[in-house]
Amino acid sequence: MVSGVRGPQQALPENELPSPRRWRRASCGLAGLMVVAGAALSLILSFGPPMGESVPTSPPGQLIAAGTDPGPYSTDPPTSGVHFPVGLRSGFYEPESAATLPRFAAGYLVANLERGDVIVWYNCATLESGACTDLKGQIRSAMDLLGGEHIIAFPWPSLEQPVVLTAWGRILRLPSFDLKRAIGFIFAHRGRSANAASTPTPSLPLSGGGEGGGAASP
């Protein structure tokens, strides 16, 4: 009887070895499928109702000097209101990096919302250490799947839920991270600025800013 198991002395024939060209083709094919799937999801969502709860907004363009206390916002976390002339860079902000930012982070983040960024606010205060690590990993995965542009993940201790997503005038509160709903919200609202005719908001060039998401376009 001839066994189908190769012995340790038997090497794979050359025609059975995956060639670099085959790997490149497979990688390109997978990337293409992800692009097509993303485009299809975006098209489907464009015909559906807007995701997240609609909340009243303040008129866009209400600028205050950087470092000025913007005062309370109508929602927590904020979805519109007064803001500084610059926003933060896209990316994932750990509590340690957020703590190095200038005072009144909300003033910068509302500027991001006005220009069409989506913010994923998270709070690990009620979670165990392992659960917090999982939550941050899930948020990072969603950001990586979407390329990271115009997405900010930011720690927000006053949240009642572990994670909340906001865009200008929209909010989605999640009792636990839901990848499908999070991606749907980002697809539906990312890039939709409060006022397309307004002057683009530049990013604040801070060292130690959001890592992993790349710099947002002004």
C-alpha atoms as a PDB file:
ATOM      1  CA  MET A   1       0.000   0.000   0.000  1.00  0.00           C
ATOM      2  CA  VAL A   2       1.269   3.413  -0.928  1.00  0.00           C
ATOM      3  CA  SER A   3       0.805   6.025   1.769  1.00  0.00           C
ATOM      4  CA  GLY A   4      -0.387   9.532   0.805  1.00  0.00           C
ATOM      5  CA  VAL A   5       1.729  11.076   3.565  1.00  0.00           C
ATOM      6  CA  ARG A   6       5.073  12.418   2.474  1.00  0.00           C
ATOM      7  CA  GLY A   7       8.040  11.365   4.538  1.00  0.00           C
ATOM      8  CA  PRO A   8      10.436  13.898   6.014  1.00  0.00           C
ATOM      9  CA  GLN A   9      12.929  13.159   3.209  1.00  0.00           C
ATOM     10  CA  GLN A  10      10.440  14.130   0.506  1.00  0.00           C
ATOM     11  CA  ALA A  11      10.362  17.776  -0.612  1.00  0.00           C
ATOM     12  CA  LEU A  12       7.439  19.387  -2.347  1.00  0.00           C
ATOM     13  CA  PRO A  13       7.787  19.473  -6.115  1.00  0.00           C
ATOM     14  CA  GLU A  14       8.485  22.921  -7.507  1.00  0.00           C
ATOM     15  CA  ASN A  15       5.116  23.008  -9.251  1.00  0.00           C
ATOM     16  CA  GLU A  16       3.380  22.643  -5.869  1.00  0.00           C
ATOM     17  CA  LEU A  17       5.211  25.553  -4.233  1.00  0.00           C
ATOM     18  CA  PRO A  18       3.273  28.831  -4.161  1.00  0.00           C
ATOM     19  CA  SER A  19       5.094  31.317  -6.378  1.00  0.00           C
ATOM     20  CA  PRO A  20       5.538  34.992  -5.426  1.00  0.00           C
ATOM     21  CA  ARG A  21       3.386  35.880  -8.421  1.00  0.00           C
ATOM     22  CA  ARG A  22       0.544  33.716  -7.109  1.00  0.00           C
ATOM     23  CA  TRP A  23       0.800  35.361  -3.687  1.00  0.00           C
ATOM     24  CA  ARG A  24       0.706  38.814  -5.275  1.00  0.00           C
ATOM     25  CA  ARG A  25      -2.322  37.872  -7.358  1.00  0.00           C
ATOM     26  CA  ALA A  26      -4.107  36.503  -4.285  1.00  0.00           C
ATOM     27  CA  SER A  27      -3.312  39.635  -2.279  1.00  0.00           C
ATOM     28  CA  CYS A  28      -4.498  41.937  -5.057  1.00  0.00           C
ATOM     29  CA  GLY A  29      -7.649  39.872  -5.451  1.00  0.00           C
ATOM     30  CA  LEU A  30      -8.421  40.090  -1.728  1.00  0.00           C
ATOM     31  CA  ALA A  31      -7.821  43.838  -1.690  1.00  0.00           C
ATOM     32  CA  GLY A  32     -10.097  44.219  -4.700  1.00  0.00           C
ATOM     33  CA  LEU A  33     -12.852  42.240  -3.011  1.00  0.00           C
ATOM     34  CA  MET A  34     -12.613  44.454   0.083  1.00  0.00           C
ATOM     35  CA  VAL A  35     -12.913  47.594  -2.062  1.00  0.00           C
ATOM     36  CA  VAL A  36     -15.916  46.192  -3.930  1.00  0.00           C
ATOM     37  CA  ALA A  37     -17.571  45.084  -0.684  1.00  0.00           C
ATOM     38  CA  GLY A  38     -17.008  48.510   0.840  1.00  0.00           C
ATOM     39  CA  ALA A  39     -18.449  50.256  -2.201  1.00  0.00           C
ATOM     40  CA  ALA A  40     -21.466  47.956  -2.178  1.00  0.00           C
ATOM     41  CA  LEU A  41     -22.107  48.595   1.513  1.00  0.00           C
ATOM     42  CA  SER A  42     -21.785  52.334   0.972  1.00  0.00           C
ATOM     43  CA  LEU A  43     -24.289  52.189  -1.900  1.00  0.00           C
ATOM     44  CA  ILE A  44     -26.755  50.152   0.149  1.00  0.00           C
ATOM     45  CA  LEU A  45     -26.499  52.515   3.089  1.00  0.00           C
ATOM     46  CA  SER A  46     -27.073  55.517   0.817  1.00  0.00           C
ATOM     47  CA  PHE A  47     -30.590  54.247   0.118  1.00  0.00           C
ATOM     48  CA  GLY A  48     -31.375  53.441   3.738  1.00  0.00           C
ATOM     49  CA  PRO A  49     -32.273  55.682   6.663  1.00  0.00           C
ATOM     50  CA  PRO A  50     -29.354  57.585   8.223  1.00  0.00           C
ATOM     51  CA  MET A  51     -27.690  55.563  10.960  1.00  0.00           C
ATOM     52  CA  GLY A  52     -27.689  56.796  14.520  1.00  0.00           C
ATOM     53  CA  GLU A  53     -29.969  59.153  16.386  1.00  0.00           C
ATOM     54  CA  SER A  54     -30.456  62.620  14.917  1.00  0.00           C
ATOM     55  CA  VAL A  55     -29.863  65.453  17.390  1.00  0.00           C
ATOM     56  CA  PRO A  56     -30.371  69.227  16.995  1.00  0.00           C
ATOM     57  CA  THR A  57     -27.227  71.022  15.895  1.00  0.00           C
ATOM     58  CA  SER A  58     -25.757  74.452  16.395  1.00  0.00           C
ATOM     59  CA  PRO A  59     -24.978  76.552  13.302  1.00  0.00           C
ATOM     60  CA  PRO A  60     -21.559  75.588  11.892  1.00  0.00           C
ATOM     61  CA  GLY A  61     -18.610  77.936  11.936  1.00  0.00           C
ATOM     62  CA  GLN A  62     -18.876  79.114  15.546  1.00  0.00           C
ATOM     63  CA  LEU A  63     -15.176  79.580  16.281  1.00  0.00           C
ATOM     64  CA  ILE A  64     -13.576  80.429  19.595  1.00  0.00           C
ATOM     65  CA  ALA A  65      -9.921  80.960  20.425  1.00  0.00           C
ATOM     66  CA  ALA A  66      -7.906  77.813  21.135  1.00  0.00           C
ATOM     67  CA  GLY A  67      -7.544  77.244  24.857  1.00  0.00           C
ATOM     68  CA  THR A  68     -10.867  78.914  25.660  1.00  0.00           C
ATOM     69  CA  ASP A  69     -13.354  76.860  27.680  1.00  0.00           C
ATOM     70  CA  PRO A  70     -16.092  75.944  25.166  1.00  0.00           C
ATOM     71  CA  GLY A  71     -18.531  75.351  28.008  1.00  0.00           C
ATOM     72  CA  PRO A  72     -21.083  72.527  28.116  1.00  0.00           C
ATOM     73  CA  TYR A  73     -22.405  70.990  24.915  1.00  0.00           C
ATOM     74  CA  SER A  74     -25.972  69.908  24.248  1.00  0.00           C
ATOM     75  CA  THR A  75     -24.963  66.227  24.151  1.00  0.00           C
ATOM     76  CA  ASP A  76     -22.303  64.174  25.871  1.00  0.00           C
ATOM     77  CA  PRO A  77     -20.187  63.430  23.944  1.00  0.00           C
ATOM     78  CA  PRO A  78     -20.659  66.516  21.755  1.00  0.00           C
ATOM     79  CA  THR A  79     -22.218  66.370  18.292  1.00  0.00           C
ATOM     80  CA  SER A  80     -21.983  70.070  17.330  1.00  0.00           C
ATOM     81  CA  GLY A  81     -21.295  73.471  18.836  1.00  0.00           C
ATOM     82  CA  VAL A  82     -18.540  76.033  19.265  1.00  0.00           C
ATOM     83  CA  HIS A  83     -15.029  74.865  18.531  1.00  0.00           C
ATOM     84  CA  PHE A  84     -11.425  75.872  17.959  1.00  0.00           C
ATOM     85  CA  PRO A  85     -10.053  76.772  14.512  1.00  0.00           C
ATOM     86  CA  VAL A  86      -8.112  73.475  14.311  1.00  0.00           C
ATOM     87  CA  GLY A  87      -8.966  69.829  14.926  1.00  0.00           C
ATOM     88  CA  LEU A  88      -6.935  66.783  15.939  1.00  0.00           C
ATOM     89  CA  ARG A  89      -5.189  64.342  13.668  1.00  0.00           C
ATOM     90  CA  SER A  90      -7.032  61.152  12.785  1.00  0.00           C
ATOM     91  CA  GLY A  91      -6.025  58.059  14.737  1.00  0.00           C
ATOM     92  CA  PHE A  92      -6.473  56.123  17.947  1.00  0.00           C
ATOM     93  CA  TYR A  93      -5.781  58.088  21.132  1.00  0.00           C
ATOM     94  CA  GLU A  94      -4.822  56.123  24.208  1.00  0.00           C
ATOM     95  CA  PRO A  95      -5.630  57.836  27.529  1.00  0.00           C
ATOM     96  CA  GLU A  96      -1.917  58.540  27.981  1.00  0.00           C
ATOM     97  CA  SER A  97      -1.604  60.371  24.653  1.00  0.00           C
ATOM     98  CA  ALA A  98      -4.911  62.202  25.161  1.00  0.00           C
ATOM     99  CA  ALA A  99      -3.601  63.486  28.489  1.00  0.00           C
ATOM    100  CA  THR A 100      -0.722  65.249  26.705  1.00  0.00           C
ATOM    101  CA  LEU A 101      -3.066  67.364  24.564  1.00  0.00           C
ATOM    102  CA  PRO A 102      -3.859  70.990  25.387  1.00  0.00           C
ATOM    103  CA  ARG A 103      -6.863  71.706  27.614  1.00  0.00           C
ATOM    104  CA  PHE A 104     -10.453  71.411  26.422  1.00  0.00           C
ATOM    105  CA  ALA A 105     -10.068  68.560  23.943  1.00  0.00           C
ATOM    106  CA  ALA A 106     -13.756  68.873  23.036  1.00  0.00           C
ATOM    107  CA  GLY A 107     -13.046  72.202  21.348  1.00  0.00           C
ATOM    108  CA  TYR A 108     -10.695  70.453  18.920  1.00  0.00           C
ATOM    109  CA  LEU A 109     -12.878  67.391  18.433  1.00  0.00           C
ATOM    110  CA  VAL A 110     -15.998  69.370  17.539  1.00  0.00           C
ATOM    111  CA  ALA A 111     -13.890  71.030  14.828  1.00  0.00           C
ATOM    112  CA  ASN A 112     -13.243  67.525  13.509  1.00  0.00           C
ATOM    113  CA  LEU A 113     -16.954  66.752  13.528  1.00  0.00           C
ATOM    114  CA  GLU A 114     -17.769  69.897  11.578  1.00  0.00           C
ATOM    115  CA  ARG A 115     -15.385  68.982   8.779  1.00  0.00           C
ATOM    116  CA  GLY A 116     -16.896  65.509   8.415  1.00  0.00           C
ATOM    117  CA  ASP A 117     -14.846  63.303  10.728  1.00  0.00           C
ATOM    118  CA  VAL A 118     -16.415  60.517  12.788  1.00  0.00           C
ATOM    119  CA  ILE A 119     -15.353  60.102  16.409  1.00  0.00           C
ATOM    120  CA  VAL A 120     -15.446  56.808  18.307  1.00  0.00           C
ATOM    121  CA  TRP A 121     -15.552  57.765  21.977  1.00  0.00           C
ATOM    122  CA  TYR A 122     -14.723  54.989  24.437  1.00  0.00           C
ATOM    123  CA  ASN A 123     -14.710  54.541  28.200  1.00  0.00           C
ATOM    124  CA  CYS A 124     -13.002  51.636  29.935  1.00  0.00           C
ATOM    125  CA  ALA A 125     -13.881  52.779  33.465  1.00  0.00           C
ATOM    126  CA  THR A 126     -16.601  50.157  33.921  1.00  0.00           C
ATOM    127  CA  LEU A 127     -14.693  47.379  32.139  1.00  0.00           C
ATOM    128  CA  GLU A 128     -12.171  44.893  33.424  1.00  0.00           C
ATOM    129  CA  SER A 129      -8.645  45.141  32.072  1.00  0.00           C
ATOM    130  CA  GLY A 130      -9.090  42.309  29.581  1.00  0.00           C
ATOM    131  CA  ALA A 131     -12.418  43.669  28.342  1.00  0.00           C
ATOM    132  CA  CYS A 132     -10.874  47.116  27.857  1.00  0.00           C
ATOM    133  CA  THR A 133      -8.059  45.635  25.778  1.00  0.00           C
ATOM    134  CA  ASP A 134     -10.612  43.762  23.659  1.00  0.00           C
ATOM    135  CA  LEU A 135     -12.703  46.905  23.145  1.00  0.00           C
ATOM    136  CA  LYS A 136      -9.727  48.962  22.005  1.00  0.00           C
ATOM    137  CA  GLY A 137      -8.643  46.144  19.702  1.00  0.00           C
ATOM    138  CA  GLN A 138     -12.103  45.995  18.120  1.00  0.00           C
ATOM    139  CA  ILE A 139     -12.131  49.753  17.552  1.00  0.00           C
ATOM    140  CA  ARG A 140      -8.681  49.613  15.977  1.00  0.00           C
ATOM    141  CA  SER A 141      -9.783  46.756  13.705  1.00  0.00           C
ATOM    142  CA  ALA A 142     -12.746  48.786  12.452  1.00  0.00           C
ATOM    143  CA  MET A 143     -10.493  51.784  11.798  1.00  0.00           C
ATOM    144  CA  ASP A 144      -7.980  49.615   9.935  1.00  0.00           C
ATOM    145  CA  LEU A 145     -10.709  48.074   7.774  1.00  0.00           C
ATOM    146  CA  LEU A 146     -11.792  51.553   6.691  1.00  0.00           C
ATOM    147  CA  GLY A 147      -8.327  52.961   6.149  1.00  0.00           C
ATOM    148  CA  GLY A 148      -8.357  55.186   9.245  1.00  0.00           C
ATOM    149  CA  GLU A 149      -8.884  58.484   7.434  1.00  0.00           C
ATOM    150  CA  HIS A 150     -11.299  60.927   9.051  1.00  0.00           C
ATOM    151  CA  ILE A 151     -11.808  58.613  12.042  1.00  0.00           C
ATOM    152  CA  ILE A 152     -10.739  59.420  15.595  1.00  0.00           C
ATOM    153  CA  ALA A 153     -10.963  57.125  18.606  1.00  0.00           C
ATOM    154  CA  PHE A 154     -10.820  59.107  21.824  1.00  0.00           C
ATOM    155  CA  PRO A 155     -11.179  58.246  25.549  1.00  0.00           C
ATOM    156  CA  TRP A 156     -14.119  59.997  27.228  1.00  0.00           C
ATOM    157  CA  PRO A 157     -14.578  59.223  30.956  1.00  0.00           C
ATOM    158  CA  SER A 158     -18.114  60.667  31.243  1.00  0.00           C
ATOM    159  CA  LEU A 159     -19.682  58.096  28.905  1.00  0.00           C
ATOM    160  CA  GLU A 160     -22.401  55.907  30.377  1.00  0.00           C
ATOM    161  CA  GLN A 161     -21.791  53.299  27.658  1.00  0.00           C
ATOM    162  CA  PRO A 162     -18.440  51.734  26.781  1.00  0.00           C
ATOM    163  CA  VAL A 163     -18.507  53.171  23.260  1.00  0.00           C
ATOM    164  CA  VAL A 164     -20.372  55.973  21.456  1.00  0.00           C
ATOM    165  CA  LEU A 165     -19.956  57.120  17.854  1.00  0.00           C
ATOM    166  CA  THR A 166     -20.711  60.668  16.761  1.00  0.00           C
ATOM    167  CA  ALA A 167     -20.805  62.661  13.547  1.00  0.00           C
ATOM    168  CA  TRP A 168     -22.110  66.202  13.120  1.00  0.00           C
ATOM    169  CA  GLY A 169     -25.711  66.006  14.365  1.00  0.00           C
ATOM    170  CA  ARG A 170     -25.677  62.202  14.760  1.00  0.00           C
ATOM    171  CA  ILE A 171     -24.975  59.904  17.690  1.00  0.00           C
ATOM    172  CA  LEU A 172     -24.906  56.121  18.092  1.00  0.00           C
ATOM    173  CA  ARG A 173     -24.664  54.712  21.619  1.00  0.00           C
ATOM    174  CA  LEU A 174     -23.558  51.077  21.889  1.00  0.00           C
ATOM    175  CA  PRO A 175     -23.767  48.967  25.073  1.00  0.00           C
ATOM    176  CA  SER A 176     -20.983  46.868  23.572  1.00  0.00           C
ATOM    177  CA  PHE A 177     -18.936  47.221  20.417  1.00  0.00           C
ATOM    178  CA  ASP A 178     -20.837  46.138  17.306  1.00  0.00           C
ATOM    179  CA  LEU A 179     -18.540  46.013  14.267  1.00  0.00           C
ATOM    180  CA  LYS A 180     -21.372  45.976  11.721  1.00  0.00           C
ATOM    181  CA  ARG A 181     -23.181  48.971  13.221  1.00  0.00           C
ATOM    182  CA  ALA A 182     -19.952  50.887  13.791  1.00  0.00           C
ATOM    183  CA  ILE A 183     -18.800  50.438  10.201  1.00  0.00           C
ATOM    184  CA  GLY A 184     -22.276  51.288   8.939  1.00  0.00           C
ATOM    185  CA  PHE A 185     -22.310  54.519  10.955  1.00  0.00           C
ATOM    186  CA  ILE A 186     -18.860  55.523   9.714  1.00  0.00           C
ATOM    187  CA  PHE A 187     -19.755  54.759   6.090  1.00  0.00           C
ATOM    188  CA  ALA A 188     -22.966  56.753   6.391  1.00  0.00           C
ATOM    189  CA  HIS A 189     -21.435  59.886   7.906  1.00  0.00           C
ATOM    190  CA  ARG A 190     -17.704  60.078   7.262  1.00  0.00           C
ATOM    191  CA  GLY A 191     -16.837  62.957   4.950  1.00  0.00           C
ATOM    192  CA  ARG A 192     -20.187  64.718   5.341  1.00  0.00           C
ATOM    193  CA  SER A 193     -19.146  68.089   6.656  1.00  0.00           C
ATOM    194  CA  ALA A 194     -21.582  70.394   8.408  1.00  0.00           C
ATOM    195  CA  ASN A 195     -21.106  73.004   5.721  1.00  0.00           C
ATOM    196  CA  ALA A 196     -19.456  71.942   2.489  1.00  0.00           C
ATOM    197  CA  ALA A 197     -18.873  75.570   1.554  1.00  0.00           C
ATOM    198  CA  SER A 198     -16.984  76.361   4.755  1.00  0.00           C
ATOM    199  CA  THR A 199     -13.209  76.690   4.952  1.00  0.00           C
ATOM    200  CA  PRO A 200     -11.596  73.282   5.643  1.00  0.00           C
ATOM    201  CA  THR A 201     -10.466  72.785   9.235  1.00  0.00           C
ATOM    202  CA  PRO A 202      -6.729  72.065   9.540  1.00  0.00           C
ATOM    203  CA  SER A 203      -5.356  69.413  11.890  1.00  0.00           C
ATOM    204  CA  LEU A 204      -3.476  70.327  15.033  1.00  0.00           C
ATOM    205  CA  PRO A 205       0.169  69.264  14.483  1.00  0.00           C
ATOM    206  CA  LEU A 206       0.785  67.725  17.893  1.00  0.00           C
ATOM    207  CA  SER A 207       3.551  65.300  18.743  1.00  0.00           C
ATOM    208  CA  GLY A 208       2.324  62.101  20.351  1.00  0.00           C
ATOM    209  CA  GLY A 209      -1.027  62.356  18.622  1.00  0.00           C
ATOM    210  CA  GLY A 210      -3.282  59.598  17.381  1.00  0.00           C
ATOM    211  CA  GLU A 211      -1.347  56.570  16.302  1.00  0.00           C
ATOM    212  CA  GLY A 212      -2.402  54.059  13.714  1.00  0.00           C
ATOM    213  CA  GLY A 213      -4.912  56.161  11.821  1.00  0.00           C
ATOM    214  CA  GLY A 214      -2.709  58.482   9.816  1.00  0.00           C
ATOM    215  CA  ALA A 215      -3.008  62.223   9.518  1.00  0.00           C
ATOM    216  CA  ALA A 216      -6.386  63.492   8.425  1.00  0.00           C
ATOM    217  CA  SER A 217      -6.681  65.674   5.372  1.00  0.00           C
ATOM    218  CA  PRO A 218      -7.299  69.343   6.186  1.00  0.00           C
END
